[in-house]
Structures are given as structure tokens and as C-alpha cells.
Amino acid sequence: MEYIYGALLLHSAGKKIDEAHITKVLEAAGIEVQAARVKAVVTSLDGVNIEEAMKTAIAAPVAAAPAAAAPAKEHKKEEKKEEAGPTEEEAMAGLGALFG
């Protein structure tokens, strides 16, 4: 993901998005750069209008996301019911063992 962020940073600065520039940005951030990944990012962004892609990504509908998250809440409720945890007496007994 940091490779894409580096490319976006170069784009917002008005710099050319190429292997050398992305490598410099990532190295400046202290990231161990993999040349193959840099090359893949540069190749995949070749011919892409980044401004248009960002506008399209921002305008993309996200109405389906909350509906997909609803079953996960129910699952978590079930897990909480199963995990009752120790009683107060058990917890105090456990603490007493710490001090001999």
C-alpha cells in the first residue's frame, strides 16, 4: 500500500511517477524498497488518469457496506454470551497467588 501512497504523493507534488522517484520517496520514509513492486506500480499506473480515478473512487456508492456488517454484530453478541469470565471471588483468589 505504501507504494501507492508514494505514487499519490508524487502526483500531488506534480512530480513524474517513475521508479526512481517512488524509490526515493519510500527510502525517505524508511521503507525497505522492493524493486519488483516499484516496477509493478509504475507499470500499472502507466496511462491512468489519477485525478479521474480519485474522483471515481470518491463517488463510488458504499450503501451495501453497512448491510454486510450487520451479521458480524450478531456473531459478536453470541461470543460475548459464551465468555462469562471468572467470578469476582475467582479473580481475587488469583490475585492473592501473586503475593504468596
PDB file of N, CA and C in Angstrom:
ATOM      1  N   MET A   1       0.821  -1.182   0.000  1.00  0.00           N
ATOM      2  CA  MET A   1       0.000   0.000   0.000  1.00  0.00           C
ATOM      3  C   MET A   1       0.872   1.256   0.000  1.00  0.00           C
ATOM      4  N   GLU A   2       2.017   1.167   0.690  1.00  0.00           N
ATOM      5  CA  GLU A   2       2.881   2.335   0.751  1.00  0.00           C
ATOM      6  C   GLU A   2       3.422   2.726  -0.618  1.00  0.00           C
ATOM      7  N   TYR A   3       3.499   1.780  -1.539  1.00  0.00           N
ATOM      8  CA  TYR A   3       3.962   2.086  -2.891  1.00  0.00           C
ATOM      9  C   TYR A   3       2.938   2.984  -3.603  1.00  0.00           C
ATOM     10  N   ILE A   4       1.669   2.674  -3.411  1.00  0.00           N
ATOM     11  CA  ILE A   4       0.614   3.501  -3.996  1.00  0.00           C
ATOM     12  C   ILE A   4       0.604   4.873  -3.346  1.00  0.00           C
ATOM     13  N   TYR A   5       0.769   4.908  -2.019  1.00  0.00           N
ATOM     14  CA  TYR A   5       0.811   6.196  -1.325  1.00  0.00           C
ATOM     15  C   TYR A   5       1.968   7.053  -1.834  1.00  0.00           C
ATOM     16  N   GLY A   6       3.100   6.414  -2.087  1.00  0.00           N
ATOM     17  CA  GLY A   6       4.242   7.140  -2.633  1.00  0.00           C
ATOM     18  C   GLY A   6       3.921   7.728  -3.994  1.00  0.00           C
ATOM     19  N   ALA A   7       3.243   6.950  -4.825  1.00  0.00           N
ATOM     20  CA  ALA A   7       2.854   7.442  -6.144  1.00  0.00           C
ATOM     21  C   ALA A   7       1.875   8.594  -6.028  1.00  0.00           C
ATOM     22  N   LEU A   8       0.918   8.490  -5.102  1.00  0.00           N
ATOM     23  CA  LEU A   8      -0.046   9.576  -4.906  1.00  0.00           C
ATOM     24  C   LEU A   8       0.632  10.831  -4.380  1.00  0.00           C
ATOM     25  N   LEU A   9       1.615  10.657  -3.525  1.00  0.00           N
ATOM     26  CA  LEU A   9       2.362  11.802  -3.017  1.00  0.00           C
ATOM     27  C   LEU A   9       3.106  12.499  -4.154  1.00  0.00           C
ATOM     28  N   LEU A  10       3.739  11.717  -5.009  1.00  0.00           N
ATOM     29  CA  LEU A  10       4.427  12.298  -6.168  1.00  0.00           C
ATOM     30  C   LEU A  10       3.436  13.016  -7.074  1.00  0.00           C
ATOM     31  N   HIS A  11       2.281  12.414  -7.279  1.00  0.00           N
ATOM     32  CA  HIS A  11       1.258  13.035  -8.131  1.00  0.00           C
ATOM     33  C   HIS A  11       0.812  14.377  -7.549  1.00  0.00           C
ATOM     34  N   SER A  12       0.547  14.399  -6.245  1.00  0.00           N
ATOM     35  CA  SER A  12       0.074  15.651  -5.639  1.00  0.00           C
ATOM     36  C   SER A  12       1.156  16.726  -5.636  1.00  0.00           C
ATOM     37  N   ALA A  13       2.421  16.308  -5.671  1.00  0.00           N
ATOM     38  CA  ALA A  13       3.523  17.271  -5.730  1.00  0.00           C
ATOM     39  C   ALA A  13       3.831  17.689  -7.164  1.00  0.00           C
ATOM     40  N   GLY A  14       3.159  17.069  -8.132  1.00  0.00           N
ATOM     41  CA  GLY A  14       3.382  17.413  -9.532  1.00  0.00           C
ATOM     42  C   GLY A  14       4.652  16.805 -10.103  1.00  0.00           C
ATOM     43  N   LYS A  15       5.157  15.768  -9.467  1.00  0.00           N
ATOM     44  CA  LYS A  15       6.380  15.100  -9.930  1.00  0.00           C
ATOM     45  C   LYS A  15       6.030  13.914 -10.820  1.00  0.00           C
ATOM     46  N   LYS A  16       6.994  13.516 -11.628  1.00  0.00           N
ATOM     47  CA  LYS A  16       6.816  12.372 -12.510  1.00  0.00           C
ATOM     48  C   LYS A  16       6.795  11.098 -11.664  1.00  0.00           C
ATOM     49  N   ILE A  17       5.855  10.212 -11.960  1.00  0.00           N
ATOM     50  CA  ILE A  17       5.763   8.946 -11.242  1.00  0.00           C
ATOM     51  C   ILE A  17       6.570   7.915 -12.020  1.00  0.00           C
ATOM     52  N   ASP A  18       7.790   7.696 -11.561  1.00  0.00           N
ATOM     53  CA  ASP A  18       8.654   6.691 -12.168  1.00  0.00           C
ATOM     54  C   ASP A  18       9.357   5.910 -11.056  1.00  0.00           C
ATOM     55  N   GLU A  19      10.105   4.893 -11.456  1.00  0.00           N
ATOM     56  CA  GLU A  19      10.740   4.008 -10.479  1.00  0.00           C
ATOM     57  C   GLU A  19      11.704   4.757  -9.561  1.00  0.00           C
ATOM     58  N   ALA A  20      12.486   5.661 -10.119  1.00  0.00           N
ATOM     59  CA  ALA A  20      13.478   6.384  -9.321  1.00  0.00           C
ATOM     60  C   ALA A  20      12.811   7.267  -8.270  1.00  0.00           C
ATOM     61  N   HIS A  21      11.763   7.973  -8.663  1.00  0.00           N
ATOM     62  CA  HIS A  21      11.092   8.866  -7.721  1.00  0.00           C
ATOM     63  C   HIS A  21      10.356   8.103  -6.619  1.00  0.00           C
ATOM     64  N   ILE A  22       9.667   7.039  -6.987  1.00  0.00           N
ATOM     65  CA  ILE A  22       8.965   6.242  -5.969  1.00  0.00           C
ATOM     66  C   ILE A  22       9.974   5.635  -5.006  1.00  0.00           C
ATOM     67  N   THR A  23      11.082   5.142  -5.524  1.00  0.00           N
ATOM     68  CA  THR A  23      12.120   4.567  -4.674  1.00  0.00           C
ATOM     69  C   THR A  23      12.644   5.598  -3.687  1.00  0.00           C
ATOM     70  N   LYS A  24      12.888   6.818  -4.153  1.00  0.00           N
ATOM     71  CA  LYS A  24      13.379   7.872  -3.270  1.00  0.00           C
ATOM     72  C   LYS A  24      12.374   8.213  -2.176  1.00  0.00           C
ATOM     73  N   VAL A  25      11.101   8.288  -2.530  1.00  0.00           N
ATOM     74  CA  VAL A  25      10.059   8.608  -1.548  1.00  0.00           C
ATOM     75  C   VAL A  25       9.990   7.513  -0.480  1.00  0.00           C
ATOM     76  N   LEU A  26       9.989   6.260  -0.908  1.00  0.00           N
ATOM     77  CA  LEU A  26       9.886   5.156   0.036  1.00  0.00           C
ATOM     78  C   LEU A  26      11.114   5.055   0.929  1.00  0.00           C
ATOM     79  N   GLU A  27      12.289   5.252   0.355  1.00  0.00           N
ATOM     80  CA  GLU A  27      13.509   5.226   1.152  1.00  0.00           C
ATOM     81  C   GLU A  27      13.525   6.365   2.167  1.00  0.00           C
ATOM     82  N   ALA A  28      13.023   7.525   1.768  1.00  0.00           N
ATOM     83  CA  ALA A  28      12.968   8.663   2.687  1.00  0.00           C
ATOM     84  C   ALA A  28      12.031   8.374   3.861  1.00  0.00           C
ATOM     85  N   ALA A  29      11.037   7.524   3.622  1.00  0.00           N
ATOM     86  CA  ALA A  29      10.100   7.150   4.678  1.00  0.00           C
ATOM     87  C   ALA A  29      10.620   5.993   5.522  1.00  0.00           C
ATOM     88  N   GLY A  30      11.801   5.481   5.167  1.00  0.00           N
ATOM     89  CA  GLY A  30      12.395   4.384   5.932  1.00  0.00           C
ATOM     90  C   GLY A  30      11.846   3.017   5.577  1.00  0.00           C
ATOM     91  N   ILE A  31      11.302   2.882   4.390  1.00  0.00           N
ATOM     92  CA  ILE A  31      10.723   1.615   3.946  1.00  0.00           C
ATOM     93  C   ILE A  31      11.730   0.854   3.103  1.00  0.00           C
ATOM     94  N   GLU A  32      11.839  -0.450   3.366  1.00  0.00           N
ATOM     95  CA  GLU A  32      12.715  -1.292   2.565  1.00  0.00           C
ATOM     96  C   GLU A  32      12.056  -1.500   1.204  1.00  0.00           C
ATOM     97  N   VAL A  33      12.681  -0.973   0.163  1.00  0.00           N
ATOM     98  CA  VAL A  33      12.071  -0.942  -1.168  1.00  0.00           C
ATOM     99  C   VAL A  33      12.365  -2.233  -1.926  1.00  0.00           C
ATOM    100  N   GLN A  34      11.325  -2.768  -2.545  1.00  0.00           N
ATOM    101  CA  GLN A  34      11.460  -3.935  -3.415  1.00  0.00           C
ATOM    102  C   GLN A  34      11.284  -3.457  -4.851  1.00  0.00           C
ATOM    103  N   ALA A  35      12.335  -3.571  -5.628  1.00  0.00           N
ATOM    104  CA  ALA A  35      12.352  -3.044  -6.995  1.00  0.00           C
ATOM    105  C   ALA A  35      11.219  -3.612  -7.848  1.00  0.00           C
ATOM    106  N   ALA A  36      10.899  -4.877  -7.668  1.00  0.00           N
ATOM    107  CA  ALA A  36       9.836  -5.503  -8.469  1.00  0.00           C
ATOM    108  C   ALA A  36       8.480  -4.861  -8.165  1.00  0.00           C
ATOM    109  N   ARG A  37       8.240  -4.549  -6.913  1.00  0.00           N
ATOM    110  CA  ARG A  37       6.966  -3.918  -6.555  1.00  0.00           C
ATOM    111  C   ARG A  37       6.890  -2.499  -7.093  1.00  0.00           C
ATOM    112  N   VAL A  38       8.014  -1.788  -7.049  1.00  0.00           N
ATOM    113  CA  VAL A  38       8.049  -0.427  -7.593  1.00  0.00           C
ATOM    114  C   VAL A  38       7.740  -0.473  -9.082  1.00  0.00           C
ATOM    115  N   LYS A  39       8.382  -1.400  -9.774  1.00  0.00           N
ATOM    116  CA  LYS A  39       8.164  -1.524 -11.213  1.00  0.00           C
ATOM    117  C   LYS A  39       6.708  -1.882 -11.513  1.00  0.00           C
ATOM    118  N   ALA A  40       6.115  -2.747 -10.707  1.00  0.00           N
ATOM    119  CA  ALA A  40       4.722  -3.142 -10.914  1.00  0.00           C
ATOM    120  C   ALA A  40       3.780  -1.951 -10.732  1.00  0.00           C
ATOM    121  N   VAL A  41       4.054  -1.112  -9.738  1.00  0.00           N
ATOM    122  CA  VAL A  41       3.208   0.062  -9.512  1.00  0.00           C
ATOM    123  C   VAL A  41       3.322   1.033 -10.670  1.00  0.00           C
ATOM    124  N   VAL A  42       4.546   1.293 -11.100  1.00  0.00           N
ATOM    125  CA  VAL A  42       4.756   2.236 -12.207  1.00  0.00           C
ATOM    126  C   VAL A  42       4.084   1.712 -13.472  1.00  0.00           C
ATOM    127  N   THR A  43       4.227   0.425 -13.737  1.00  0.00           N
ATOM    128  CA  THR A  43       3.613  -0.174 -14.924  1.00  0.00           C
ATOM    129  C   THR A  43       2.090  -0.114 -14.852  1.00  0.00           C
ATOM    130  N   SER A  44       1.536  -0.406 -13.674  1.00  0.00           N
ATOM    131  CA  SER A  44       0.073  -0.414 -13.550  1.00  0.00           C
ATOM    132  C   SER A  44      -0.513   0.995 -13.621  1.00  0.00           C
ATOM    133  N   LEU A  45       0.259   2.009 -13.250  1.00  0.00           N
ATOM    134  CA  LEU A  45      -0.241   3.385 -13.313  1.00  0.00           C
ATOM    135  C   LEU A  45       0.012   4.060 -14.655  1.00  0.00           C
ATOM    136  N   ASP A  46       0.747   3.388 -15.534  1.00  0.00           N
ATOM    137  CA  ASP A  46       1.050   3.963 -16.840  1.00  0.00           C
ATOM    138  C   ASP A  46      -0.248   4.144 -17.625  1.00  0.00           C
ATOM    139  N   GLY A  47      -0.527   5.358 -18.016  1.00  0.00           N
ATOM    140  CA  GLY A  47      -1.720   5.666 -18.790  1.00  0.00           C
ATOM    141  C   GLY A  47      -2.962   5.904 -17.956  1.00  0.00           C
ATOM    142  N   VAL A  48      -2.851   5.850 -16.639  1.00  0.00           N
ATOM    143  CA  VAL A  48      -4.010   6.068 -15.767  1.00  0.00           C
ATOM    144  C   VAL A  48      -4.104   7.548 -15.421  1.00  0.00           C
ATOM    145  N   ASN A  49      -5.283   8.114 -15.576  1.00  0.00           N
ATOM    146  CA  ASN A  49      -5.518   9.487 -15.167  1.00  0.00           C
ATOM    147  C   ASN A  49      -5.849   9.446 -13.676  1.00  0.00           C
ATOM    148  N   ILE A  50      -4.876   9.765 -12.839  1.00  0.00           N
ATOM    149  CA  ILE A  50      -5.032   9.631 -11.393  1.00  0.00           C
ATOM    150  C   ILE A  50      -6.134  10.545 -10.863  1.00  0.00           C
ATOM    151  N   GLU A  51      -6.219  11.754 -11.384  1.00  0.00           N
ATOM    152  CA  GLU A  51      -7.271  12.676 -10.930  1.00  0.00           C
ATOM    153  C   GLU A  51      -8.654  12.073 -11.175  1.00  0.00           C
ATOM    154  N   GLU A  52      -8.865  11.527 -12.361  1.00  0.00           N
ATOM    155  CA  GLU A  52     -10.155  10.935 -12.707  1.00  0.00           C
ATOM    156  C   GLU A  52     -10.417   9.688 -11.860  1.00  0.00           C
ATOM    157  N   ALA A  53      -9.395   8.887 -11.632  1.00  0.00           N
ATOM    158  CA  ALA A  53      -9.551   7.680 -10.814  1.00  0.00           C
ATOM    159  C   ALA A  53      -9.919   8.036  -9.381  1.00  0.00           C
ATOM    160  N   MET A  54      -9.347   9.100  -8.853  1.00  0.00           N
ATOM    161  CA  MET A  54      -9.659   9.521  -7.488  1.00  0.00           C
ATOM    162  C   MET A  54     -11.090  10.035  -7.397  1.00  0.00           C
ATOM    163  N   LYS A  55     -11.529  10.793  -8.401  1.00  0.00           N
ATOM    164  CA  LYS A  55     -12.908  11.288  -8.402  1.00  0.00           C
ATOM    165  C   LYS A  55     -13.888  10.124  -8.467  1.00  0.00           C
ATOM    166  N   THR A  56     -13.594   9.141  -9.280  1.00  0.00           N
ATOM    167  CA  THR A  56     -14.458   7.975  -9.423  1.00  0.00           C
ATOM    168  C   THR A  56     -14.490   7.175  -8.130  1.00  0.00           C
ATOM    169  N   ALA A  57     -13.345   7.013  -7.487  1.00  0.00           N
ATOM    170  CA  ALA A  57     -13.282   6.247  -6.235  1.00  0.00           C
ATOM    171  C   ALA A  57     -14.047   6.950  -5.134  1.00  0.00           C
ATOM    172  N   ILE A  58     -13.983   8.267  -5.088  1.00  0.00           N
ATOM    173  CA  ILE A  58     -14.680   9.028  -4.058  1.00  0.00           C
ATOM    174  C   ILE A  58     -16.186   8.973  -4.273  1.00  0.00           C
ATOM    175  N   ALA A  59     -16.609   8.971  -5.529  1.00  0.00           N
ATOM    176  CA  ALA A  59     -18.034   8.988  -5.849  1.00  0.00           C
ATOM    177  C   ALA A  59     -18.658   7.597  -5.842  1.00  0.00           C
ATOM    178  N   ALA A  60     -17.874   6.556  -5.643  1.00  0.00           N
ATOM    179  CA  ALA A  60     -18.402   5.191  -5.678  1.00  0.00           C
ATOM    180  C   ALA A  60     -19.392   4.977  -4.535  1.00  0.00           C
ATOM    181  N   PRO A  61     -20.522   4.338  -4.802  1.00  0.00           N
ATOM    182  CA  PRO A  61     -21.518   4.118  -3.746  1.00  0.00           C
ATOM    183  C   PRO A  61     -21.025   3.087  -2.733  1.00  0.00           C
ATOM    184  N   VAL A  62     -21.351   3.322  -1.475  1.00  0.00           N
ATOM    185  CA  VAL A  62     -20.957   2.410  -0.410  1.00  0.00           C
ATOM    186  C   VAL A  62     -22.169   1.969   0.409  1.00  0.00           C
ATOM    187  N   ALA A  63     -23.345   1.961  -0.198  1.00  0.00           N
ATOM    188  CA  ALA A  63     -24.575   1.628   0.516  1.00  0.00           C
ATOM    189  C   ALA A  63     -24.608   0.170   0.953  1.00  0.00           C
ATOM    190  N   ALA A  64     -23.952  -0.721   0.261  1.00  0.00           N
ATOM    191  CA  ALA A  64     -24.002  -2.137   0.598  1.00  0.00           C
ATOM    192  C   ALA A  64     -23.128  -2.483   1.800  1.00  0.00           C
ATOM    193  N   ALA A  65     -22.192  -1.679   2.148  1.00  0.00           N
ATOM    194  CA  ALA A  65     -21.269  -1.999   3.238  1.00  0.00           C
ATOM    195  C   ALA A  65     -21.955  -2.158   4.591  1.00  0.00           C
ATOM    196  N   PRO A  66     -22.834  -1.271   5.029  1.00  0.00           N
ATOM    197  CA  PRO A  66     -23.466  -1.472   6.336  1.00  0.00           C
ATOM    198  C   PRO A  66     -24.305  -2.745   6.418  1.00  0.00           C
ATOM    199  N   ALA A  67     -24.948  -3.134   5.344  1.00  0.00           N
ATOM    200  CA  ALA A  67     -25.749  -4.350   5.359  1.00  0.00           C
ATOM    201  C   ALA A  67     -24.880  -5.578   5.558  1.00  0.00           C
ATOM    202  N   ALA A  68     -23.694  -5.567   5.000  1.00  0.00           N
ATOM    203  CA  ALA A  68     -22.784  -6.697   5.149  1.00  0.00           C
ATOM    204  C   ALA A  68     -22.220  -6.771   6.556  1.00  0.00           C
ATOM    205  N   ALA A  69     -22.139  -5.649   7.243  1.00  0.00           N
ATOM    206  CA  ALA A  69     -21.566  -5.626   8.584  1.00  0.00           C
ATOM    207  C   ALA A  69     -22.559  -6.100   9.641  1.00  0.00           C
ATOM    208  N   ALA A  70     -23.841  -6.104   9.357  1.00  0.00           N
ATOM    209  CA  ALA A  70     -24.848  -6.467  10.345  1.00  0.00           C
ATOM    210  C   ALA A  70     -24.684  -7.887  10.891  1.00  0.00           C
ATOM    211  N   PRO A  71     -24.460  -8.909  10.084  1.00  0.00           N
ATOM    212  CA  PRO A  71     -24.304 -10.254  10.645  1.00  0.00           C
ATOM    213  C   PRO A  71     -23.102 -10.374  11.583  1.00  0.00           C
ATOM    214  N   ALA A  72     -22.080  -9.600  11.366  1.00  0.00           N
ATOM    215  CA  ALA A  72     -20.906  -9.676  12.225  1.00  0.00           C
ATOM    216  C   ALA A  72     -21.250  -9.245  13.643  1.00  0.00           C
ATOM    217  N   LYS A  73     -22.115  -8.267  13.807  1.00  0.00           N
ATOM    218  CA  LYS A  73     -22.514  -7.814  15.138  1.00  0.00           C
ATOM    219  C   LYS A  73     -23.220  -8.939  15.886  1.00  0.00           C
ATOM    220  N   GLU A  74     -24.107  -9.641  15.211  1.00  0.00           N
ATOM    221  CA  GLU A  74     -24.835 -10.730  15.851  1.00  0.00           C
ATOM    222  C   GLU A  74     -23.872 -11.811  16.306  1.00  0.00           C
ATOM    223  N   HIS A  75     -22.879 -12.089  15.519  1.00  0.00           N
ATOM    224  CA  HIS A  75     -21.894 -13.114  15.849  1.00  0.00           C
ATOM    225  C   HIS A  75     -21.113 -12.716  17.098  1.00  0.00           C
ATOM    226  N   LYS A  76     -20.751 -11.455  17.209  1.00  0.00           N
ATOM    227  CA  LYS A  76     -20.008 -10.988  18.374  1.00  0.00           C
ATOM    228  C   LYS A  76     -20.855 -11.086  19.635  1.00  0.00           C
ATOM    229  N   LYS A  77     -22.148 -10.827  19.542  1.00  0.00           N
ATOM    230  CA  LYS A  77     -23.024 -10.934  20.696  1.00  0.00           C
ATOM    231  C   LYS A  77     -23.038 -12.369  21.211  1.00  0.00           C
ATOM    232  N   GLU A  78     -23.064 -13.319  20.299  1.00  0.00           N
ATOM    233  CA  GLU A  78     -23.066 -14.722  20.699  1.00  0.00           C
ATOM    234  C   GLU A  78     -21.778 -15.079  21.418  1.00  0.00           C
ATOM    235  N   GLU A  79     -20.641 -14.571  20.926  1.00  0.00           N
ATOM    236  CA  GLU A  79     -19.361 -14.862  21.554  1.00  0.00           C
ATOM    237  C   GLU A  79     -19.308 -14.296  22.967  1.00  0.00           C
ATOM    238  N   LYS A  80     -19.846 -13.107  23.170  1.00  0.00           N
ATOM    239  CA  LYS A  80     -19.823 -12.483  24.484  1.00  0.00           C
ATOM    240  C   LYS A  80     -20.645 -13.284  25.483  1.00  0.00           C
ATOM    241  N   LYS A  81     -21.742 -13.868  25.052  1.00  0.00           N
ATOM    242  CA  LYS A  81     -22.571 -14.664  25.939  1.00  0.00           C
ATOM    243  C   LYS A  81     -21.827 -15.913  26.389  1.00  0.00           C
ATOM    244  N   GLU A  82     -21.053 -16.506  25.505  1.00  0.00           N
ATOM    245  CA  GLU A  82     -20.325 -17.722  25.825  1.00  0.00           C
ATOM    246  C   GLU A  82     -19.181 -17.455  26.786  1.00  0.00           C
ATOM    247  N   GLU A  83     -18.531 -16.301  26.679  1.00  0.00           N
ATOM    248  CA  GLU A  83     -17.392 -15.962  27.516  1.00  0.00           C
ATOM    249  C   GLU A  83     -17.870 -15.193  28.750  1.00  0.00           C
ATOM    250  N   ALA A  84     -18.165 -15.903  29.832  1.00  0.00           N
ATOM    251  CA  ALA A  84     -18.651 -15.249  31.031  1.00  0.00           C
ATOM    252  C   ALA A  84     -17.492 -14.690  31.848  1.00  0.00           C
ATOM    253  N   GLY A  85     -16.336 -15.358  31.822  1.00  0.00           N
ATOM    254  CA  GLY A  85     -15.182 -14.897  32.588  1.00  0.00           C
ATOM    255  C   GLY A  85     -15.267 -15.361  34.025  1.00  0.00           C
ATOM    256  N   PRO A  86     -14.215 -15.126  34.792  1.00  0.00           N
ATOM    257  CA  PRO A  86     -14.186 -15.579  36.186  1.00  0.00           C
ATOM    258  C   PRO A  86     -15.081 -14.701  37.064  1.00  0.00           C
ATOM    259  N   THR A  87     -15.533 -15.287  38.153  1.00  0.00           N
ATOM    260  CA  THR A  87     -16.317 -14.515  39.107  1.00  0.00           C
ATOM    261  C   THR A  87     -15.371 -13.616  39.892  1.00  0.00           C
ATOM    262  N   GLU A  88     -15.928 -12.712  40.673  1.00  0.00           N
ATOM    263  CA  GLU A  88     -15.101 -11.788  41.450  1.00  0.00           C
ATOM    264  C   GLU A  88     -14.249 -12.550  42.462  1.00  0.00           C
ATOM    265  N   GLU A  89     -14.802 -13.586  43.072  1.00  0.00           N
ATOM    266  CA  GLU A  89     -14.066 -14.390  44.054  1.00  0.00           C
ATOM    267  C   GLU A  89     -12.885 -15.097  43.395  1.00  0.00           C
ATOM    268  N   GLU A  90     -13.094 -15.649  42.193  1.00  0.00           N
ATOM    269  CA  GLU A  90     -12.016 -16.328  41.472  1.00  0.00           C
ATOM    270  C   GLU A  90     -10.914 -15.352  41.095  1.00  0.00           C
ATOM    271  N   ALA A  91     -11.297 -14.164  40.700  1.00  0.00           N
ATOM    272  CA  ALA A  91     -10.304 -13.155  40.337  1.00  0.00           C
ATOM    273  C   ALA A  91      -9.480 -12.744  41.547  1.00  0.00           C
ATOM    274  N   MET A  92     -10.125 -12.563  42.689  1.00  0.00           N
ATOM    275  CA  MET A  92      -9.406 -12.176  43.905  1.00  0.00           C
ATOM    276  C   MET A  92      -8.466 -13.288  44.355  1.00  0.00           C
ATOM    277  N   ALA A  93      -8.901 -14.545  44.240  1.00  0.00           N
ATOM    278  CA  ALA A  93      -8.047 -15.668  44.608  1.00  0.00           C
ATOM    279  C   ALA A  93      -6.817 -15.705  43.718  1.00  0.00           C
ATOM    280  N   GLY A  94      -7.001 -15.419  42.447  1.00  0.00           N
ATOM    281  CA  GLY A  94      -5.871 -15.383  41.510  1.00  0.00           C
ATOM    282  C   GLY A  94      -4.893 -14.293  41.855  1.00  0.00           C
ATOM    283  N   LEU A  95      -5.373 -13.143  42.296  1.00  0.00           N
ATOM    284  CA  LEU A  95      -4.508 -12.036  42.693  1.00  0.00           C
ATOM    285  C   LEU A  95      -3.736 -12.365  43.958  1.00  0.00           C
ATOM    286  N   GLY A  96      -4.362 -13.083  44.863  1.00  0.00           N
ATOM    287  CA  GLY A  96      -3.696 -13.482  46.100  1.00  0.00           C
ATOM    288  C   GLY A  96      -2.495 -14.370  45.836  1.00  0.00           C
ATOM    289  N   ALA A  97      -2.562 -15.192  44.794  1.00  0.00           N
ATOM    290  CA  ALA A  97      -1.458 -16.073  44.452  1.00  0.00           C
ATOM    291  C   ALA A  97      -0.221 -15.307  44.014  1.00  0.00           C
ATOM    292  N   LEU A  98      -0.400 -14.078  43.560  1.00  0.00           N
ATOM    293  CA  LEU A  98       0.740 -13.282  43.123  1.00  0.00           C
ATOM    294  C   LEU A  98       1.646 -12.896  44.290  1.00  0.00           C
ATOM    295  N   PHE A  99       1.069 -12.782  45.483  1.00  0.00           N
ATOM    296  CA  PHE A  99       1.816 -12.283  46.639  1.00  0.00           C
ATOM    297  C   PHE A  99       2.185 -13.394  47.621  1.00  0.00           C
ATOM    298  N   GLY A 100       2.009 -14.633  47.239  1.00  0.00           N
ATOM    299  CA  GLY A 100       2.449 -15.742  48.080  1.00  0.00           C
ATOM    300  C   GLY A 100       1.444 -16.113  49.025  1.00  0.00           C
TER     301      GLY A 100
END
